[in-house]
Amino acid sequence: MAAGITSLRFQVERLVGSTRDDTMRVRFIERARIGSTRRLCLRIDWPQGSLPLFFFLHADGTWHLFPPEQSRPEMGVIHKAT
């Protein structure tokens, strides 16, 4: 995947179009205590009001509006060839 497609700026511009840097502010960045999930909140200010957007960094390095799926414990059976 191209680096530009995985960037946070690309994802924001894809959703809301091109924004000037002075209208977009990072509100907070958070890292989950369990796992390495990162969450970021951007606030985009427009004359009509402000729009907060939450993004989550996935394991493959891409930013998305939805959180990554939580890894769960798994059990399996190993079949031995006879």
N, C-alpha and C. Protein backbone atom coordinates (compact mmCIF):
# COMPACT_ATOMS: atom_id res chain seq x y z
N MET A 1 0.85 -1.17 0.00
CA MET A 1 0.00 0.00 0.00
C MET A 1 0.89 1.23 0.00
N ALA A 2 0.53 2.23 -0.77
CA ALA A 2 1.34 3.43 -0.86
C ALA A 2 1.31 4.20 0.45
N ALA A 3 2.41 4.85 0.77
CA ALA A 3 2.51 5.57 2.04
C ALA A 3 1.47 6.67 2.15
N GLY A 4 1.14 7.36 1.06
CA GLY A 4 0.15 8.44 1.10
C GLY A 4 -1.23 7.95 1.47
N ILE A 5 -1.57 6.75 1.06
CA ILE A 5 -2.90 6.20 1.33
C ILE A 5 -3.04 5.81 2.79
N THR A 6 -1.95 5.52 3.46
CA THR A 6 -2.01 5.11 4.86
C THR A 6 -1.93 6.30 5.81
N SER A 7 -1.65 7.49 5.30
CA SER A 7 -1.44 8.64 6.18
C SER A 7 -2.77 9.15 6.75
N LEU A 8 -2.67 9.78 7.89
CA LEU A 8 -3.83 10.37 8.54
C LEU A 8 -4.37 11.53 7.70
N ARG A 9 -3.50 12.34 7.14
CA ARG A 9 -3.95 13.46 6.31
C ARG A 9 -4.77 12.98 5.12
N PHE A 10 -4.34 11.90 4.48
CA PHE A 10 -5.10 11.35 3.35
C PHE A 10 -6.51 10.95 3.80
N GLN A 11 -6.61 10.28 4.94
CA GLN A 11 -7.91 9.84 5.44
C GLN A 11 -8.82 11.03 5.75
N VAL A 12 -8.27 12.08 6.36
CA VAL A 12 -9.06 13.26 6.69
C VAL A 12 -9.54 13.94 5.41
N GLU A 13 -8.64 14.14 4.45
CA GLU A 13 -9.03 14.80 3.21
C GLU A 13 -10.02 13.97 2.40
N ARG A 14 -9.95 12.67 2.51
CA ARG A 14 -10.90 11.80 1.83
C ARG A 14 -12.30 11.98 2.41
N LEU A 15 -12.39 12.23 3.72
CA LEU A 15 -13.69 12.38 4.38
C LEU A 15 -14.28 13.78 4.25
N VAL A 16 -13.46 14.80 4.47
CA VAL A 16 -14.00 16.17 4.54
C VAL A 16 -13.44 17.10 3.47
N GLY A 17 -12.59 16.61 2.61
CA GLY A 17 -11.98 17.46 1.60
C GLY A 17 -10.74 18.14 2.16
N SER A 18 -10.13 18.96 1.35
CA SER A 18 -8.91 19.64 1.75
C SER A 18 -9.22 20.68 2.82
N THR A 19 -8.41 20.71 3.87
CA THR A 19 -8.60 21.69 4.94
C THR A 19 -7.31 22.48 5.12
N ARG A 20 -7.48 23.72 5.54
CA ARG A 20 -6.30 24.52 5.86
C ARG A 20 -5.76 24.05 7.21
N ASP A 21 -4.47 24.13 7.38
CA ASP A 21 -3.85 23.67 8.63
C ASP A 21 -4.36 24.43 9.86
N ASP A 22 -4.76 25.71 9.68
CA ASP A 22 -5.20 26.48 10.85
C ASP A 22 -6.63 26.15 11.26
N THR A 23 -7.35 25.33 10.49
CA THR A 23 -8.71 24.95 10.87
C THR A 23 -8.78 23.57 11.50
N MET A 24 -7.66 22.86 11.55
CA MET A 24 -7.64 21.50 12.07
C MET A 24 -6.66 21.42 13.25
N ARG A 25 -7.14 20.90 14.36
CA ARG A 25 -6.32 20.78 15.56
C ARG A 25 -6.41 19.37 16.12
N VAL A 26 -5.29 18.89 16.63
CA VAL A 26 -5.28 17.60 17.33
C VAL A 26 -5.74 17.88 18.75
N ARG A 27 -6.81 17.21 19.15
CA ARG A 27 -7.35 17.41 20.50
C ARG A 27 -6.59 16.56 21.52
N PHE A 28 -6.47 15.28 21.24
CA PHE A 28 -5.70 14.41 22.13
C PHE A 28 -5.26 13.16 21.40
N ILE A 29 -4.22 12.56 21.93
CA ILE A 29 -3.71 11.28 21.43
C ILE A 29 -3.67 10.35 22.63
N GLU A 30 -4.15 9.15 22.44
CA GLU A 30 -4.24 8.20 23.54
C GLU A 30 -3.72 6.85 23.10
N ARG A 31 -3.03 6.19 23.99
CA ARG A 31 -2.58 4.81 23.73
C ARG A 31 -3.24 3.91 24.76
N ALA A 32 -3.83 2.82 24.28
CA ALA A 32 -4.51 1.89 25.19
C ALA A 32 -3.51 1.24 26.13
N ARG A 33 -3.96 0.98 27.35
CA ARG A 33 -3.08 0.33 28.32
C ARG A 33 -2.80 -1.11 27.93
N ILE A 34 -3.82 -1.78 27.40
CA ILE A 34 -3.66 -3.16 26.94
C ILE A 34 -3.54 -3.13 25.43
N GLY A 35 -2.52 -3.74 24.90
CA GLY A 35 -2.31 -3.72 23.46
C GLY A 35 -1.63 -2.43 23.05
N SER A 36 -1.56 -2.20 21.78
CA SER A 36 -0.88 -1.00 21.30
C SER A 36 -1.81 -0.13 20.46
N THR A 37 -3.10 -0.15 20.77
CA THR A 37 -4.06 0.65 20.02
C THR A 37 -3.84 2.13 20.34
N ARG A 38 -3.78 2.94 19.29
CA ARG A 38 -3.65 4.37 19.46
C ARG A 38 -4.91 5.04 18.93
N ARG A 39 -5.35 6.06 19.64
CA ARG A 39 -6.54 6.80 19.25
C ARG A 39 -6.19 8.28 19.20
N LEU A 40 -6.73 8.96 18.21
CA LEU A 40 -6.45 10.37 18.03
C LEU A 40 -7.75 11.09 17.72
N CYS A 41 -7.93 12.26 18.29
CA CYS A 41 -9.11 13.07 18.02
C CYS A 41 -8.67 14.35 17.33
N LEU A 42 -9.23 14.61 16.16
CA LEU A 42 -9.00 15.85 15.43
C LEU A 42 -10.25 16.70 15.53
N ARG A 43 -10.07 17.99 15.68
CA ARG A 43 -11.21 18.91 15.63
C ARG A 43 -11.02 19.82 14.43
N ILE A 44 -12.00 19.83 13.54
CA ILE A 44 -11.96 20.69 12.36
C ILE A 44 -12.95 21.81 12.60
N ASP A 45 -12.48 23.05 12.55
CA ASP A 45 -13.33 24.21 12.78
C ASP A 45 -13.77 24.82 11.46
N TRP A 46 -15.07 24.99 11.33
CA TRP A 46 -15.69 25.63 10.17
C TRP A 46 -16.55 26.78 10.67
N PRO A 47 -16.93 27.70 9.79
CA PRO A 47 -17.83 28.78 10.21
C PRO A 47 -19.16 28.25 10.80
N GLN A 48 -19.62 27.10 10.32
CA GLN A 48 -20.88 26.52 10.80
C GLN A 48 -20.72 25.83 12.16
N GLY A 49 -19.52 25.54 12.57
CA GLY A 49 -19.27 24.85 13.83
C GLY A 49 -18.04 23.97 13.72
N SER A 50 -17.83 23.15 14.73
CA SER A 50 -16.66 22.27 14.71
C SER A 50 -17.09 20.82 14.58
N LEU A 51 -16.18 20.02 14.03
CA LEU A 51 -16.44 18.60 13.80
C LEU A 51 -15.30 17.79 14.42
N PRO A 52 -15.58 17.01 15.48
CA PRO A 52 -14.54 16.14 16.02
C PRO A 52 -14.52 14.81 15.25
N LEU A 53 -13.35 14.32 14.91
CA LEU A 53 -13.18 13.03 14.24
C LEU A 53 -12.22 12.19 15.06
N PHE A 54 -12.60 10.95 15.31
CA PHE A 54 -11.74 10.02 16.03
C PHE A 54 -11.14 9.03 15.05
N PHE A 55 -9.84 8.84 15.13
CA PHE A 55 -9.15 7.89 14.26
C PHE A 55 -8.41 6.89 15.13
N PHE A 56 -8.28 5.67 14.62
CA PHE A 56 -7.58 4.60 15.31
C PHE A 56 -6.47 4.08 14.41
N LEU A 57 -5.29 3.89 14.98
CA LEU A 57 -4.16 3.35 14.23
C LEU A 57 -4.21 1.83 14.30
N HIS A 58 -4.25 1.20 13.15
CA HIS A 58 -4.31 -0.27 13.08
C HIS A 58 -2.90 -0.86 13.02
N ALA A 59 -2.79 -2.15 13.24
CA ALA A 59 -1.50 -2.84 13.30
C ALA A 59 -0.70 -2.72 12.00
N ASP A 60 -1.41 -2.56 10.87
CA ASP A 60 -0.71 -2.45 9.58
C ASP A 60 -0.25 -1.02 9.30
N GLY A 61 -0.45 -0.10 10.25
CA GLY A 61 0.03 1.27 10.09
C GLY A 61 -0.96 2.21 9.44
N THR A 62 -2.18 1.78 9.19
CA THR A 62 -3.19 2.63 8.56
C THR A 62 -4.12 3.22 9.62
N TRP A 63 -4.65 4.40 9.34
CA TRP A 63 -5.59 5.08 10.22
C TRP A 63 -7.00 4.85 9.71
N HIS A 64 -7.93 4.54 10.62
CA HIS A 64 -9.33 4.31 10.26
C HIS A 64 -10.25 4.94 11.30
N LEU A 65 -11.51 5.16 10.91
CA LEU A 65 -12.50 5.70 11.84
C LEU A 65 -13.01 4.66 12.82
N PHE A 66 -12.78 3.40 12.54
CA PHE A 66 -13.25 2.33 13.42
C PHE A 66 -12.05 1.70 14.12
N PRO A 67 -12.24 1.24 15.36
CA PRO A 67 -11.12 0.64 16.10
C PRO A 67 -10.74 -0.72 15.53
N PRO A 68 -9.48 -1.12 15.72
CA PRO A 68 -9.08 -2.45 15.25
C PRO A 68 -9.79 -3.53 16.05
N GLU A 69 -9.95 -4.66 15.42
CA GLU A 69 -10.58 -5.78 16.10
C GLU A 69 -9.68 -6.26 17.23
N GLN A 70 -10.28 -6.54 18.37
CA GLN A 70 -9.51 -7.01 19.51
C GLN A 70 -9.08 -8.45 19.29
N SER A 71 -7.83 -8.74 19.61
CA SER A 71 -7.39 -10.13 19.51
C SER A 71 -7.95 -10.89 20.70
N ARG A 72 -8.45 -12.06 20.43
CA ARG A 72 -9.07 -12.87 21.47
C ARG A 72 -8.30 -14.18 21.62
N PRO A 73 -8.36 -14.77 22.79
CA PRO A 73 -7.72 -16.07 22.95
C PRO A 73 -8.36 -17.09 22.02
N GLU A 74 -7.55 -17.94 21.45
CA GLU A 74 -8.06 -18.94 20.52
C GLU A 74 -7.59 -20.32 20.95
N MET A 75 -8.44 -21.30 20.66
CA MET A 75 -8.07 -22.69 20.90
C MET A 75 -8.20 -23.41 19.58
N GLY A 76 -7.38 -24.38 19.39
CA GLY A 76 -7.45 -25.15 18.17
C GLY A 76 -7.03 -26.58 18.42
N VAL A 77 -7.27 -27.40 17.45
CA VAL A 77 -6.92 -28.81 17.53
C VAL A 77 -5.89 -29.09 16.44
N ILE A 78 -4.83 -29.75 16.83
CA ILE A 78 -3.80 -30.12 15.87
C ILE A 78 -4.08 -31.55 15.42
N HIS A 79 -4.26 -31.71 14.13
CA HIS A 79 -4.50 -33.04 13.57
C HIS A 79 -3.16 -33.63 13.15
N LYS A 80 -2.86 -34.81 13.66
CA LYS A 80 -1.62 -35.47 13.27
C LYS A 80 -1.91 -36.45 12.14
N ALA A 81 -1.05 -36.42 11.17
CA ALA A 81 -1.20 -37.37 10.05
C ALA A 81 -0.86 -38.77 10.53
N THR A 82 -1.63 -39.75 10.11
CA THR A 82 -1.37 -41.13 10.54
C THR A 82 -0.69 -41.92 9.46
